[in-house]
Amino acid sequence: MPIKMKQLPISERPYEKLEMYGENTLSNAELLAIIIKSGTKEESSVTLAQKILSLGKQNNFNQDSFTFLQELSINELMQIKRNRQSKSNSNKSCM
């Protein structure tokens, strides 16, 4: 069973970490997890974000910023386990 955000120490949760320490302390996965907002029953938003970042890396997209997400299709985002179309559309529209 995956670890839920509520089970993590407050200092390791993306939203709380952002509030406590600022955006410069967050990893790209944590920043993207904040955009994603919530995970699934099986995976946290951080895990989903890591998978999306991995997909970008596999496609050799520049990951210095999140602009590479513009290059991913909705179908590619939906390949991420349990990434619903509404969440994929939401992620895509943020970019």
Protein backbone atom coordinates (compact mmCIF):
# COMPACT_ATOMS: atom_id res chain seq x y z
CA MET A 1 0.00 0.00 0.00
CA PRO A 2 1.45 3.38 -0.98
CA ILE A 3 2.31 6.04 1.56
CA LYS A 4 -0.33 8.75 1.72
CA MET A 5 0.63 12.42 1.98
CA LYS A 6 -1.02 12.63 5.40
CA GLN A 7 1.38 9.92 6.61
CA LEU A 8 4.45 11.96 5.63
CA PRO A 9 6.02 14.42 8.05
CA ILE A 10 4.63 17.91 7.45
CA SER A 11 8.05 19.11 6.27
CA GLU A 12 7.96 16.57 3.40
CA ARG A 13 4.51 17.39 2.02
CA PRO A 14 4.69 19.60 -1.10
CA TYR A 15 2.06 22.18 -0.07
CA GLU A 16 3.40 22.52 3.44
CA LYS A 17 7.01 22.54 2.28
CA LEU A 18 6.14 25.36 -0.13
CA GLU A 19 4.54 27.39 2.65
CA MET A 20 7.32 26.72 5.17
CA TYR A 21 10.43 26.97 3.01
CA GLY A 22 9.46 28.53 -0.34
CA GLU A 23 9.33 27.28 -3.90
CA ASN A 24 13.11 27.13 -4.32
CA THR A 25 13.25 24.19 -1.91
CA LEU A 26 10.86 22.03 -3.94
CA SER A 27 11.95 19.44 -6.47
CA ASN A 28 10.40 19.50 -9.95
CA ALA A 29 8.31 16.48 -8.93
CA GLU A 30 7.00 18.33 -5.87
CA LEU A 31 6.16 21.43 -7.93
CA LEU A 32 4.34 19.32 -10.50
CA ALA A 33 2.57 17.43 -7.70
CA ILE A 34 1.12 20.74 -6.52
CA ILE A 35 -0.23 21.34 -10.03
CA ILE A 36 -1.63 17.80 -10.15
CA LYS A 37 -3.25 18.41 -6.73
CA SER A 38 -4.10 14.83 -5.81
CA GLY A 39 -2.92 11.34 -6.47
CA THR A 40 -4.89 8.13 -6.82
CA LYS A 41 -5.63 5.32 -4.41
CA GLU A 42 -2.50 3.62 -5.69
CA GLU A 43 -0.09 6.54 -6.08
CA SER A 44 0.60 9.92 -4.54
CA SER A 45 0.63 13.09 -6.61
CA VAL A 46 4.43 13.15 -6.21
CA THR A 47 4.71 9.63 -7.67
CA LEU A 48 2.48 10.61 -10.60
CA ALA A 49 4.60 13.73 -11.12
CA GLN A 50 7.78 11.62 -11.13
CA LYS A 51 6.25 9.38 -13.80
CA ILE A 52 5.33 12.40 -15.94
CA LEU A 53 8.86 13.76 -15.58
CA SER A 54 10.21 10.33 -16.54
CA LEU A 55 8.04 10.34 -19.65
CA GLY A 56 9.54 13.67 -20.64
CA LYS A 57 13.03 12.33 -20.04
CA GLN A 58 12.32 9.24 -22.18
CA ASN A 59 11.28 11.56 -25.01
CA ASN A 60 14.47 13.61 -24.57
CA PHE A 61 12.56 16.80 -23.81
CA ASN A 62 14.40 19.63 -22.09
CA GLN A 63 13.44 19.45 -18.44
CA ASP A 64 15.00 22.71 -17.28
CA SER A 65 11.43 23.99 -17.07
CA PHE A 66 7.98 22.50 -17.38
CA THR A 67 7.61 23.69 -20.97
CA PHE A 68 8.35 20.13 -22.11
CA LEU A 69 4.85 19.24 -20.89
CA GLN A 70 3.51 21.17 -23.88
CA GLU A 71 5.13 18.52 -26.07
CA LEU A 72 3.29 15.63 -24.37
CA SER A 73 -0.08 14.64 -25.75
CA ILE A 74 -3.16 14.00 -23.63
CA ASN A 75 -2.85 10.32 -24.60
CA GLU A 76 0.75 10.21 -23.34
CA LEU A 77 -0.33 11.77 -20.05
CA MET A 78 -3.16 9.28 -19.78
CA GLN A 79 -0.68 6.41 -20.14
CA ILE A 80 0.49 7.28 -16.65
CA LYS A 81 -1.31 4.79 -14.44
CA ARG A 82 -4.80 5.96 -13.55
CA ASN A 83 -4.26 9.47 -14.89
CA ARG A 84 -7.85 10.31 -15.77
CA GLN A 85 -8.61 12.39 -18.83
CA SER A 86 -9.88 15.28 -16.70
CA LYS A 87 -6.61 15.36 -14.75
CA SER A 88 -4.60 15.04 -17.99
CA ASN A 89 -6.54 17.92 -19.53
CA SER A 90 -5.99 19.97 -16.40
CA ASN A 91 -2.24 19.28 -16.40
CA LYS A 92 -1.97 20.08 -20.10
CA SER A 93 -3.94 23.32 -19.77
CA CYS A 94 -1.60 24.57 -17.03
CA MET A 95 1.20 24.61 -19.55
